[in-house]
Amino acid sequence: MELARGEKTYIKKLGKEHIDLMQNWGRHGNPLFSCYNFPHMSERQKDCWYRNKTRGFSKKCFVVFNDCNQLVGYISLRNIRIFKKTGELGIVFDPNNIDRGYGTDGLKAFLRYYFEILKMRALYLKVSIFNKRAQRCYKKAGFRLSDIVTEEFEDQSLPIFQDDYFIPYRHFFKLENERIKCQFIDMVITRDRYYLEVKDER
């Protein structure tokens, strides 16, 4: 069932049948984004992954289709707080379908569902400071910076300080207690801010 629709995309609830479609996605060329490549899984791993993503009240997962009915994105809500009406956003798009406006359009469609249908009050996210494309997408959708923090990087195996490829990015990282840490930007959009953005667009 379609939950929300934008100009280029529409949103549906994640189903197990969507896993195979996501496994056919492209791969990121930049190793800094390798942790966003959708993994190839066995049938048993697919079952476990799906149960983990859909079980419980503190998380919900969705998929984004483009106007050609291709599955191009995946959206997760984590740490949903029912009484505070807040959640944390996670979003991943097929590397073969980036820079086509699907990210911004899909996110705006999802925000309409999040604030107008689910009646939530605020949505938070965290984005690595070097991920400029994602930051532009979030700002276009109405998110605003709330803080800059330093946390452990997801892929501890990357040779950030050994491989010359990463020289342009090293100032975003540091080694602390033998763990790679990276700067992240915390962003937020409130319901009030969302409605201001909608009003401005109209």
N, C-alpha and C. Protein backbone atom coordinates (compact mmCIF):
# COMPACT_ATOMS: atom_id res chain seq x y z
N MET A 1 0.83 -1.20 0.00
CA MET A 1 0.00 0.00 0.00
C MET A 1 0.87 1.25 0.00
N GLU A 2 0.53 2.18 -0.85
CA GLU A 2 1.26 3.44 -0.94
C GLU A 2 0.91 4.33 0.26
N LEU A 3 1.96 4.85 0.93
CA LEU A 3 1.76 5.67 2.11
C LEU A 3 1.86 7.16 1.83
N ALA A 4 2.68 7.53 0.87
CA ALA A 4 2.87 8.94 0.53
C ALA A 4 3.45 9.01 -0.88
N ARG A 5 3.22 10.13 -1.55
CA ARG A 5 3.71 10.28 -2.92
C ARG A 5 4.28 11.68 -3.12
N GLY A 6 5.43 11.73 -3.80
CA GLY A 6 6.02 13.00 -4.18
C GLY A 6 5.85 13.21 -5.67
N GLU A 7 6.67 14.09 -6.25
CA GLU A 7 6.60 14.34 -7.68
C GLU A 7 7.30 13.25 -8.48
N LYS A 8 8.34 12.64 -7.88
CA LYS A 8 9.14 11.63 -8.58
C LYS A 8 9.11 10.26 -7.90
N THR A 9 8.60 10.20 -6.68
CA THR A 9 8.71 8.99 -5.87
C THR A 9 7.43 8.71 -5.09
N TYR A 10 7.34 7.50 -4.57
CA TYR A 10 6.29 7.17 -3.61
C TYR A 10 6.85 6.22 -2.56
N ILE A 11 6.21 6.21 -1.39
CA ILE A 11 6.70 5.49 -0.22
C ILE A 11 5.78 4.32 0.11
N LYS A 12 6.37 3.17 0.43
CA LYS A 12 5.62 2.01 0.88
C LYS A 12 6.28 1.43 2.13
N LYS A 13 5.54 0.65 2.87
CA LYS A 13 6.10 -0.07 4.01
C LYS A 13 7.03 -1.17 3.50
N LEU A 14 8.14 -1.38 4.21
CA LEU A 14 9.08 -2.43 3.83
C LEU A 14 8.43 -3.80 3.89
N GLY A 15 8.59 -4.57 2.82
CA GLY A 15 8.15 -5.95 2.80
C GLY A 15 9.33 -6.87 2.55
N LYS A 16 9.20 -8.12 2.92
CA LYS A 16 10.32 -9.05 2.73
C LYS A 16 10.68 -9.20 1.25
N GLU A 17 9.68 -9.04 0.38
CA GLU A 17 9.93 -9.18 -1.05
C GLU A 17 10.84 -8.08 -1.60
N HIS A 18 11.01 -7.01 -0.84
CA HIS A 18 11.85 -5.90 -1.30
C HIS A 18 13.34 -6.17 -1.12
N ILE A 19 13.69 -7.15 -0.30
CA ILE A 19 15.10 -7.40 -0.01
C ILE A 19 15.86 -7.79 -1.27
N ASP A 20 15.28 -8.68 -2.08
CA ASP A 20 15.96 -9.11 -3.31
C ASP A 20 16.19 -7.93 -4.25
N LEU A 21 15.24 -7.01 -4.31
CA LEU A 21 15.40 -5.84 -5.18
C LEU A 21 16.55 -4.96 -4.70
N MET A 22 16.69 -4.80 -3.38
CA MET A 22 17.76 -3.98 -2.85
C MET A 22 19.12 -4.64 -3.02
N GLN A 23 19.14 -5.96 -3.04
CA GLN A 23 20.41 -6.66 -3.25
C GLN A 23 20.94 -6.47 -4.67
N ASN A 24 20.10 -6.02 -5.57
CA ASN A 24 20.52 -5.75 -6.95
C ASN A 24 21.01 -4.32 -7.15
N TRP A 25 21.06 -3.54 -6.08
CA TRP A 25 21.53 -2.17 -6.18
C TRP A 25 23.01 -2.13 -6.57
N GLY A 26 23.45 -0.97 -7.04
CA GLY A 26 24.86 -0.76 -7.36
C GLY A 26 25.70 -0.64 -6.10
N ARG A 27 26.98 -0.40 -6.30
CA ARG A 27 27.93 -0.29 -5.19
C ARG A 27 28.59 1.09 -5.23
N HIS A 28 28.85 1.64 -4.07
CA HIS A 28 29.53 2.93 -3.99
C HIS A 28 30.99 2.78 -4.40
N GLY A 29 31.47 3.69 -5.23
CA GLY A 29 32.86 3.67 -5.64
C GLY A 29 33.80 4.18 -4.56
N ASN A 30 33.34 5.15 -3.77
CA ASN A 30 34.15 5.72 -2.70
C ASN A 30 34.09 4.79 -1.48
N PRO A 31 35.23 4.25 -1.02
CA PRO A 31 35.21 3.31 0.11
C PRO A 31 34.68 3.92 1.40
N LEU A 32 34.66 5.23 1.52
CA LEU A 32 34.08 5.86 2.72
C LEU A 32 32.60 5.53 2.86
N PHE A 33 31.96 5.19 1.74
CA PHE A 33 30.53 4.90 1.76
C PHE A 33 30.23 3.41 1.64
N SER A 34 31.24 2.57 1.78
CA SER A 34 31.05 1.13 1.60
C SER A 34 30.07 0.54 2.60
N CYS A 35 29.97 1.15 3.79
CA CYS A 35 29.05 0.61 4.80
C CYS A 35 27.59 0.85 4.41
N TYR A 36 27.36 1.67 3.36
CA TYR A 36 26.00 1.90 2.88
C TYR A 36 25.63 0.98 1.72
N ASN A 37 26.57 0.14 1.27
CA ASN A 37 26.23 -0.84 0.25
C ASN A 37 25.31 -1.89 0.84
N PHE A 38 24.22 -2.18 0.15
CA PHE A 38 23.29 -3.17 0.68
C PHE A 38 23.94 -4.55 0.59
N PRO A 39 23.94 -5.32 1.69
CA PRO A 39 24.67 -6.59 1.71
C PRO A 39 23.98 -7.70 0.91
N HIS A 40 24.77 -8.63 0.42
CA HIS A 40 24.23 -9.84 -0.20
C HIS A 40 24.05 -10.88 0.90
N MET A 41 22.85 -11.45 0.98
CA MET A 41 22.51 -12.32 2.10
C MET A 41 21.93 -13.65 1.62
N SER A 42 22.10 -14.66 2.46
CA SER A 42 21.45 -15.94 2.23
C SER A 42 19.98 -15.81 2.62
N GLU A 43 19.18 -16.83 2.30
CA GLU A 43 17.76 -16.79 2.66
C GLU A 43 17.57 -16.68 4.16
N ARG A 44 18.39 -17.38 4.91
CA ARG A 44 18.29 -17.30 6.37
C ARG A 44 18.67 -15.92 6.87
N GLN A 45 19.69 -15.34 6.29
CA GLN A 45 20.11 -13.99 6.68
C GLN A 45 19.04 -12.96 6.33
N LYS A 46 18.38 -13.17 5.20
CA LYS A 46 17.28 -12.26 4.82
C LYS A 46 16.17 -12.31 5.85
N ASP A 47 15.83 -13.52 6.31
CA ASP A 47 14.78 -13.67 7.33
C ASP A 47 15.16 -12.93 8.61
N CYS A 48 16.40 -13.10 9.03
CA CYS A 48 16.87 -12.46 10.26
C CYS A 48 16.88 -10.94 10.11
N TRP A 49 17.37 -10.48 8.96
CA TRP A 49 17.44 -9.04 8.70
C TRP A 49 16.05 -8.43 8.72
N TYR A 50 15.10 -9.09 8.07
CA TYR A 50 13.73 -8.57 8.00
C TYR A 50 13.08 -8.55 9.37
N ARG A 51 13.25 -9.62 10.14
CA ARG A 51 12.68 -9.65 11.50
C ARG A 51 13.27 -8.54 12.35
N ASN A 52 14.56 -8.34 12.24
CA ASN A 52 15.23 -7.31 13.03
C ASN A 52 14.72 -5.92 12.68
N LYS A 53 14.41 -5.69 11.41
CA LYS A 53 13.97 -4.37 10.96
C LYS A 53 12.50 -4.09 11.24
N THR A 54 11.70 -5.14 11.44
CA THR A 54 10.26 -4.94 11.54
C THR A 54 9.66 -5.32 12.88
N ARG A 55 10.45 -5.89 13.76
CA ARG A 55 9.93 -6.33 15.06
C ARG A 55 10.06 -5.21 16.09
N GLY A 56 9.02 -5.02 16.89
CA GLY A 56 9.07 -4.04 17.97
C GLY A 56 8.39 -2.74 17.62
N PHE A 57 8.20 -1.90 18.64
CA PHE A 57 7.48 -0.64 18.47
C PHE A 57 8.41 0.56 18.29
N SER A 58 9.71 0.34 18.46
CA SER A 58 10.64 1.47 18.44
C SER A 58 11.26 1.69 17.06
N LYS A 59 10.82 0.93 16.06
CA LYS A 59 11.39 1.10 14.72
C LYS A 59 10.36 0.75 13.65
N LYS A 60 10.48 1.40 12.52
CA LYS A 60 9.65 1.15 11.35
C LYS A 60 10.53 1.32 10.12
N CYS A 61 10.23 0.60 9.07
CA CYS A 61 11.05 0.67 7.86
C CYS A 61 10.17 0.83 6.63
N PHE A 62 10.71 1.56 5.64
CA PHE A 62 9.96 1.91 4.45
C PHE A 62 10.87 1.80 3.23
N VAL A 63 10.26 1.73 2.06
CA VAL A 63 11.02 1.72 0.82
C VAL A 63 10.51 2.84 -0.09
N VAL A 64 11.41 3.32 -0.94
CA VAL A 64 11.10 4.43 -1.86
C VAL A 64 11.17 3.91 -3.29
N PHE A 65 10.10 4.11 -4.03
CA PHE A 65 10.04 3.75 -5.45
C PHE A 65 10.04 5.03 -6.28
N ASN A 66 10.65 4.96 -7.47
CA ASN A 66 10.56 6.12 -8.37
C ASN A 66 9.32 5.99 -9.24
N ASP A 67 9.14 6.96 -10.15
CA ASP A 67 7.93 6.97 -10.98
C ASP A 67 7.94 5.90 -12.06
N CYS A 68 9.06 5.15 -12.15
CA CYS A 68 9.12 4.00 -13.06
C CYS A 68 8.96 2.69 -12.30
N ASN A 69 8.54 2.80 -11.04
CA ASN A 69 8.30 1.66 -10.16
C ASN A 69 9.57 0.86 -9.85
N GLN A 70 10.71 1.55 -9.85
CA GLN A 70 11.97 0.95 -9.41
C GLN A 70 12.19 1.28 -7.94
N LEU A 71 12.62 0.28 -7.17
CA LEU A 71 12.92 0.52 -5.76
C LEU A 71 14.28 1.22 -5.68
N VAL A 72 14.30 2.47 -5.26
CA VAL A 72 15.53 3.26 -5.31
C VAL A 72 16.04 3.67 -3.93
N GLY A 73 15.25 3.47 -2.87
CA GLY A 73 15.70 3.93 -1.56
C GLY A 73 15.08 3.15 -0.41
N TYR A 74 15.70 3.29 0.72
CA TYR A 74 15.28 2.60 1.94
C TYR A 74 15.33 3.60 3.09
N ILE A 75 14.25 3.69 3.86
CA ILE A 75 14.17 4.63 4.98
C ILE A 75 13.85 3.86 6.24
N SER A 76 14.59 4.15 7.30
CA SER A 76 14.31 3.52 8.59
C SER A 76 14.05 4.59 9.64
N LEU A 77 13.12 4.27 10.53
CA LEU A 77 12.89 5.07 11.72
C LEU A 77 13.37 4.26 12.91
N ARG A 78 14.25 4.87 13.72
CA ARG A 78 14.79 4.18 14.89
C ARG A 78 14.47 4.99 16.14
N ASN A 79 14.57 4.32 17.28
CA ASN A 79 14.37 4.99 18.57
C ASN A 79 13.10 5.84 18.58
N ILE A 80 12.03 5.24 18.09
CA ILE A 80 10.74 5.93 18.10
C ILE A 80 10.25 6.05 19.55
N ARG A 81 9.93 7.24 19.94
CA ARG A 81 9.39 7.50 21.27
C ARG A 81 7.94 7.93 21.12
N ILE A 82 7.05 7.02 21.48
CA ILE A 82 5.63 7.21 21.23
C ILE A 82 5.09 8.44 21.94
N PHE A 83 5.45 8.62 23.21
CA PHE A 83 4.87 9.72 23.98
C PHE A 83 5.50 11.06 23.61
N LYS A 84 6.79 11.07 23.34
CA LYS A 84 7.44 12.31 22.91
C LYS A 84 7.18 12.60 21.44
N LYS A 85 6.75 11.56 20.71
CA LYS A 85 6.47 11.67 19.27
C LYS A 85 7.72 12.12 18.49
N THR A 86 8.83 11.43 18.75
CA THR A 86 10.07 11.70 18.03
C THR A 86 10.65 10.40 17.49
N GLY A 87 11.57 10.52 16.57
CA GLY A 87 12.24 9.36 16.01
C GLY A 87 13.55 9.79 15.36
N GLU A 88 14.36 8.81 14.96
CA GLU A 88 15.62 9.07 14.29
C GLU A 88 15.59 8.47 12.90
N LEU A 89 16.05 9.23 11.94
CA LEU A 89 15.98 8.84 10.53
C LEU A 89 17.26 8.17 10.07
N GLY A 90 17.10 7.11 9.30
CA GLY A 90 18.20 6.50 8.55
C GLY A 90 17.74 6.37 7.11
N ILE A 91 18.58 6.70 6.17
CA ILE A 91 18.16 6.67 4.77
C ILE A 91 19.32 6.24 3.87
N VAL A 92 19.05 5.32 2.96
CA VAL A 92 20.06 4.81 2.02
C VAL A 92 19.42 4.73 0.64
N PHE A 93 20.16 5.19 -0.38
CA PHE A 93 19.66 5.12 -1.75
C PHE A 93 20.60 4.30 -2.63
N ASP A 94 20.02 3.69 -3.63
CA ASP A 94 20.77 2.92 -4.62
C ASP A 94 21.81 3.83 -5.28
N PRO A 95 23.09 3.48 -5.21
CA PRO A 95 24.12 4.31 -5.84
C PRO A 95 23.89 4.54 -7.34
N ASN A 96 23.15 3.63 -7.99
CA ASN A 96 22.85 3.80 -9.41
C ASN A 96 21.78 4.85 -9.66
N ASN A 97 21.12 5.30 -8.59
CA ASN A 97 20.01 6.24 -8.75
C ASN A 97 20.16 7.50 -7.91
N ILE A 98 21.40 7.88 -7.61
CA ILE A 98 21.62 9.13 -6.90
C ILE A 98 21.81 10.27 -7.91
N ASP A 99 21.71 11.49 -7.41
CA ASP A 99 21.82 12.70 -8.26
C ASP A 99 20.72 12.78 -9.30
N ARG A 100 19.57 12.22 -8.98
CA ARG A 100 18.41 12.30 -9.89
C ARG A 100 17.22 12.97 -9.21
N GLY A 101 17.44 13.47 -8.01
CA GLY A 101 16.36 14.14 -7.28
C GLY A 101 15.47 13.22 -6.48
N TYR A 102 15.75 11.91 -6.52
CA TYR A 102 14.90 10.96 -5.80
C TYR A 102 15.04 11.11 -4.28
N GLY A 103 16.25 11.41 -3.82
CA GLY A 103 16.48 11.51 -2.38
C GLY A 103 15.67 12.62 -1.75
N THR A 104 15.78 13.82 -2.30
CA THR A 104 15.04 14.96 -1.77
C THR A 104 13.54 14.77 -1.91
N ASP A 105 13.11 14.30 -3.08
CA ASP A 105 11.68 14.10 -3.32
C ASP A 105 11.11 13.02 -2.40
N GLY A 106 11.84 11.91 -2.27
CA GLY A 106 11.38 10.83 -1.40
C GLY A 106 11.34 11.24 0.05
N LEU A 107 12.34 12.01 0.48
CA LEU A 107 12.38 12.45 1.87
C LEU A 107 11.24 13.41 2.16
N LYS A 108 10.95 14.33 1.24
CA LYS A 108 9.84 15.25 1.45
C LYS A 108 8.50 14.51 1.52
N ALA A 109 8.35 13.49 0.68
CA ALA A 109 7.13 12.68 0.72
C ALA A 109 7.03 11.95 2.06
N PHE A 110 8.15 11.42 2.53
CA PHE A 110 8.14 10.72 3.81
C PHE A 110 7.81 11.67 4.95
N LEU A 111 8.35 12.89 4.92
CA LEU A 111 8.07 13.86 5.98
C LEU A 111 6.58 14.19 6.03
N ARG A 112 5.95 14.23 4.89
CA ARG A 112 4.50 14.47 4.87
C ARG A 112 3.77 13.35 5.61
N TYR A 113 4.17 12.12 5.37
CA TYR A 113 3.59 10.98 6.09
C TYR A 113 3.92 11.05 7.58
N TYR A 114 5.16 11.38 7.90
CA TYR A 114 5.64 11.40 9.28
C TYR A 114 4.91 12.43 10.13
N PHE A 115 4.76 13.64 9.59
CA PHE A 115 4.16 14.71 10.38
C PHE A 115 2.64 14.80 10.23
N GLU A 116 2.11 14.54 9.05
CA GLU A 116 0.68 14.73 8.83
C GLU A 116 -0.15 13.49 9.13
N ILE A 117 0.42 12.31 8.91
CA ILE A 117 -0.32 11.06 9.16
C ILE A 117 0.03 10.48 10.53
N LEU A 118 1.32 10.34 10.81
CA LEU A 118 1.73 9.80 12.10
C LEU A 118 1.65 10.82 13.22
N LYS A 119 1.55 12.11 12.88
CA LYS A 119 1.40 13.19 13.86
C LYS A 119 2.60 13.29 14.81
N MET A 120 3.79 13.10 14.28
CA MET A 120 5.00 13.19 15.09
C MET A 120 5.40 14.65 15.28
N ARG A 121 6.28 14.89 16.28
CA ARG A 121 6.65 16.26 16.63
C ARG A 121 8.03 16.67 16.11
N ALA A 122 8.96 15.71 16.02
CA ALA A 122 10.32 16.04 15.57
C ALA A 122 10.99 14.80 15.02
N LEU A 123 11.90 15.02 14.06
CA LEU A 123 12.66 13.92 13.47
C LEU A 123 14.13 14.30 13.48
N TYR A 124 14.96 13.40 13.99
CA TYR A 124 16.39 13.65 14.13
C TYR A 124 17.17 12.76 13.17
N LEU A 125 18.38 13.18 12.83
CA LEU A 125 19.27 12.34 12.04
C LEU A 125 20.72 12.71 12.33
N LYS A 126 21.61 11.83 11.91
CA LYS A 126 23.04 12.05 12.05
C LYS A 126 23.69 11.76 10.71
N VAL A 127 24.54 12.67 10.23
CA VAL A 127 25.19 12.50 8.93
C VAL A 127 26.67 12.81 9.07
N SER A 128 27.51 11.99 8.44
CA SER A 128 28.95 12.24 8.51
C SER A 128 29.27 13.58 7.87
N ILE A 129 30.23 14.28 8.43
CA ILE A 129 30.51 15.65 8.02
C ILE A 129 31.06 15.73 6.59
N PHE A 130 31.62 14.62 6.07
CA PHE A 130 32.14 14.64 4.70
C PHE A 130 31.07 14.31 3.66
N ASN A 131 29.89 13.91 4.10
CA ASN A 131 28.83 13.51 3.17
C ASN A 131 28.02 14.75 2.75
N LYS A 132 28.61 15.54 1.87
CA LYS A 132 28.02 16.81 1.47
C LYS A 132 26.72 16.62 0.67
N ARG A 133 26.66 15.58 -0.15
CA ARG A 133 25.45 15.33 -0.95
C ARG A 133 24.25 15.11 -0.04
N ALA A 134 24.42 14.27 0.98
CA ALA A 134 23.32 13.99 1.91
C ALA A 134 22.93 15.25 2.67
N GLN A 135 23.91 16.04 3.08
CA GLN A 135 23.60 17.27 3.81
C GLN A 135 22.75 18.21 2.98
N ARG A 136 23.07 18.34 1.69
CA ARG A 136 22.28 19.20 0.81
C ARG A 136 20.84 18.71 0.71
N CYS A 137 20.69 17.39 0.62
CA CYS A 137 19.36 16.79 0.54
C CYS A 137 18.56 17.10 1.80
N TYR A 138 19.17 16.91 2.96
CA TYR A 138 18.47 17.15 4.22
C TYR A 138 18.08 18.62 4.38
N LYS A 139 18.98 19.51 4.00
CA LYS A 139 18.68 20.95 4.11
C LYS A 139 17.53 21.34 3.19
N LYS A 140 17.50 20.78 1.99
CA LYS A 140 16.40 21.08 1.06
C LYS A 140 15.06 20.61 1.62
N ALA A 141 15.10 19.54 2.41
CA ALA A 141 13.87 18.99 2.99
C ALA A 141 13.46 19.74 4.26
N GLY A 142 14.32 20.62 4.77
CA GLY A 142 13.95 21.42 5.93
C GLY A 142 14.71 21.12 7.20
N PHE A 143 15.62 20.16 7.18
CA PHE A 143 16.41 19.85 8.38
C PHE A 143 17.40 20.98 8.66
N ARG A 144 17.69 21.20 9.95
CA ARG A 144 18.63 22.21 10.37
C ARG A 144 19.66 21.61 11.32
N LEU A 145 20.88 22.13 11.27
CA LEU A 145 21.96 21.65 12.13
C LEU A 145 21.64 21.92 13.59
N SER A 146 21.88 20.93 14.45
CA SER A 146 21.69 21.13 15.89
C SER A 146 22.99 20.96 16.66
N ASP A 147 23.95 20.18 16.12
CA ASP A 147 25.21 19.98 16.83
C ASP A 147 26.20 19.28 15.92
N ILE A 148 27.48 19.37 16.26
CA ILE A 148 28.54 18.60 15.61
C ILE A 148 29.20 17.76 16.68
N VAL A 149 29.25 16.46 16.46
CA VAL A 149 29.77 15.53 17.47
C VAL A 149 30.84 14.64 16.85
N THR A 150 31.65 14.02 17.69
CA THR A 150 32.66 13.06 17.26
C THR A 150 32.31 11.70 17.82
N GLU A 151 32.14 10.72 16.94
CA GLU A 151 31.75 9.38 17.36
C GLU A 151 32.53 8.34 16.54
N GLU A 152 32.43 7.10 16.96
CA GLU A 152 33.12 6.02 16.25
C GLU A 152 32.57 5.90 14.83
N PHE A 153 33.50 5.73 13.88
CA PHE A 153 33.11 5.53 12.49
C PHE A 153 32.62 4.10 12.30
N GLU A 154 31.64 3.93 11.43
CA GLU A 154 31.01 2.61 11.27
C GLU A 154 31.99 1.55 10.76
N ASP A 155 32.85 1.92 9.82
CA ASP A 155 33.76 0.94 9.22
C ASP A 155 35.16 1.12 9.81
N GLN A 156 35.46 0.33 10.85
CA GLN A 156 36.74 0.43 11.52
C GLN A 156 37.88 -0.20 10.74
N SER A 157 37.56 -0.88 9.63
CA SER A 157 38.60 -1.56 8.84
C SER A 157 39.25 -0.65 7.80
N LEU A 158 38.68 0.52 7.55
CA LEU A 158 39.23 1.40 6.51
C LEU A 158 40.58 1.96 6.93
N PRO A 159 41.57 1.94 6.03
CA PRO A 159 42.91 2.46 6.35
C PRO A 159 42.97 3.98 6.22
N ILE A 160 42.20 4.67 7.02
CA ILE A 160 42.08 6.13 6.92
C ILE A 160 43.44 6.82 7.02
N PHE A 161 44.28 6.33 7.93
CA PHE A 161 45.55 7.01 8.20
C PHE A 161 46.74 6.35 7.50
N GLN A 162 46.46 5.32 6.69
CA GLN A 162 47.53 4.62 5.99
C GLN A 162 47.49 4.84 4.48
N ASP A 163 46.29 4.88 3.91
CA ASP A 163 46.13 4.95 2.46
C ASP A 163 46.04 6.42 2.02
N ASP A 164 46.85 6.79 1.04
CA ASP A 164 46.86 8.18 0.56
C ASP A 164 45.53 8.60 -0.06
N TYR A 165 44.70 7.64 -0.44
CA TYR A 165 43.38 7.96 -1.00
C TYR A 165 42.58 8.84 -0.05
N PHE A 166 42.79 8.62 1.26
CA PHE A 166 41.96 9.29 2.26
C PHE A 166 42.55 10.62 2.75
N ILE A 167 43.66 11.06 2.16
CA ILE A 167 44.28 12.30 2.61
C ILE A 167 43.30 13.48 2.61
N PRO A 168 42.47 13.66 1.57
CA PRO A 168 41.54 14.80 1.58
C PRO A 168 40.48 14.74 2.69
N TYR A 169 40.31 13.55 3.30
CA TYR A 169 39.26 13.37 4.30
C TYR A 169 39.81 13.25 5.73
N ARG A 170 41.12 13.16 5.88
CA ARG A 170 41.68 12.82 7.19
C ARG A 170 41.36 13.84 8.28
N HIS A 171 41.19 15.10 7.90
CA HIS A 171 40.93 16.10 8.94
C HIS A 171 39.57 15.92 9.60
N PHE A 172 38.72 15.04 9.03
CA PHE A 172 37.44 14.73 9.65
C PHE A 172 37.54 13.58 10.66
N PHE A 173 38.72 12.94 10.73
CA PHE A 173 38.90 11.75 11.53
C PHE A 173 39.99 11.93 12.58
N LYS A 174 39.93 11.06 13.58
CA LYS A 174 41.02 10.97 14.54
C LYS A 174 41.05 9.56 15.11
N LEU A 175 42.21 9.17 15.62
CA LEU A 175 42.37 7.85 16.22
C LEU A 175 42.42 8.03 17.73
N GLU A 176 41.53 7.35 18.41
CA GLU A 176 41.44 7.48 19.86
C GLU A 176 41.24 6.10 20.48
N ASN A 177 42.19 5.70 21.33
CA ASN A 177 42.14 4.35 21.94
C ASN A 177 42.01 3.26 20.89
N GLU A 178 42.78 3.45 19.81
CA GLU A 178 42.84 2.51 18.70
C GLU A 178 41.51 2.35 17.97
N ARG A 179 40.65 3.34 18.11
CA ARG A 179 39.37 3.34 17.40
C ARG A 179 39.30 4.57 16.51
N ILE A 180 38.80 4.37 15.27
CA ILE A 180 38.65 5.48 14.34
C ILE A 180 37.39 6.25 14.69
N LYS A 181 37.55 7.55 14.89
CA LYS A 181 36.40 8.40 15.19
C LYS A 181 36.26 9.46 14.11
N CYS A 182 35.02 9.86 13.88
CA CYS A 182 34.70 10.79 12.79
C CYS A 182 33.76 11.87 13.31
N GLN A 183 33.79 13.01 12.66
CA GLN A 183 32.85 14.07 12.98
C GLN A 183 31.52 13.82 12.28
N PHE A 184 30.45 14.03 13.01
CA PHE A 184 29.10 13.88 12.47
C PHE A 184 28.30 15.14 12.77
N ILE A 185 27.34 15.41 11.92
CA ILE A 185 26.43 16.53 12.12
C ILE A 185 25.08 15.99 12.57
N ASP A 186 24.61 16.47 13.71
CA ASP A 186 23.25 16.17 14.16
C ASP A 186 22.31 17.19 13.55
N MET A 187 21.22 16.71 12.96
CA MET A 187 20.24 17.60 12.34
C MET A 187 18.84 17.25 12.85
N VAL A 188 17.93 18.21 12.74
CA VAL A 188 16.57 18.00 13.22
C VAL A 188 15.59 18.82 12.39
N ILE A 189 14.39 18.28 12.24
CA ILE A 189 13.28 19.05 11.70
C ILE A 189 12.09 18.84 12.64
N THR A 190 11.48 19.94 13.06
CA THR A 190 10.31 19.88 13.92
C THR A 190 9.04 19.97 13.08
N ARG A 191 7.93 19.66 13.72
CA ARG A 191 6.66 19.76 13.00
C ARG A 191 6.39 21.20 12.58
N ASP A 192 6.70 22.15 13.46
CA ASP A 192 6.51 23.56 13.11
C ASP A 192 7.37 23.95 11.91
N ARG A 193 8.63 23.49 11.93
CA ARG A 193 9.52 23.79 10.82
C ARG A 193 9.01 23.16 9.52
N TYR A 194 8.51 21.93 9.62
CA TYR A 194 7.97 21.25 8.45
C TYR A 194 6.84 22.06 7.83
N TYR A 195 5.91 22.52 8.65
CA TYR A 195 4.77 23.26 8.11
C TYR A 195 5.19 24.61 7.54
N LEU A 196 6.25 25.21 8.09
CA LEU A 196 6.80 26.43 7.50
C LEU A 196 7.35 26.15 6.11
N GLU A 197 8.07 25.02 5.98
CA GLU A 197 8.63 24.64 4.68
C GLU A 197 7.53 24.39 3.66
N VAL A 198 6.46 23.72 4.09
CA VAL A 198 5.34 23.44 3.20
C VAL A 198 4.69 24.74 2.76
N LYS A 199 4.49 25.65 3.72
CA LYS A 199 3.87 26.94 3.41
C LYS A 199 4.72 27.74 2.42
N ASP A 200 6.05 27.72 2.63
CA ASP A 200 6.94 28.46 1.74
C ASP A 200 6.88 27.90 0.32
N GLU A 201 6.77 26.56 0.19
CA GLU A 201 6.72 25.94 -1.13
C GLU A 201 5.43 26.30 -1.87
N ARG A 202 4.38 26.53 -1.10
CA ARG A 202 3.11 26.86 -1.72
C ARG A 202 3.05 28.34 -2.09
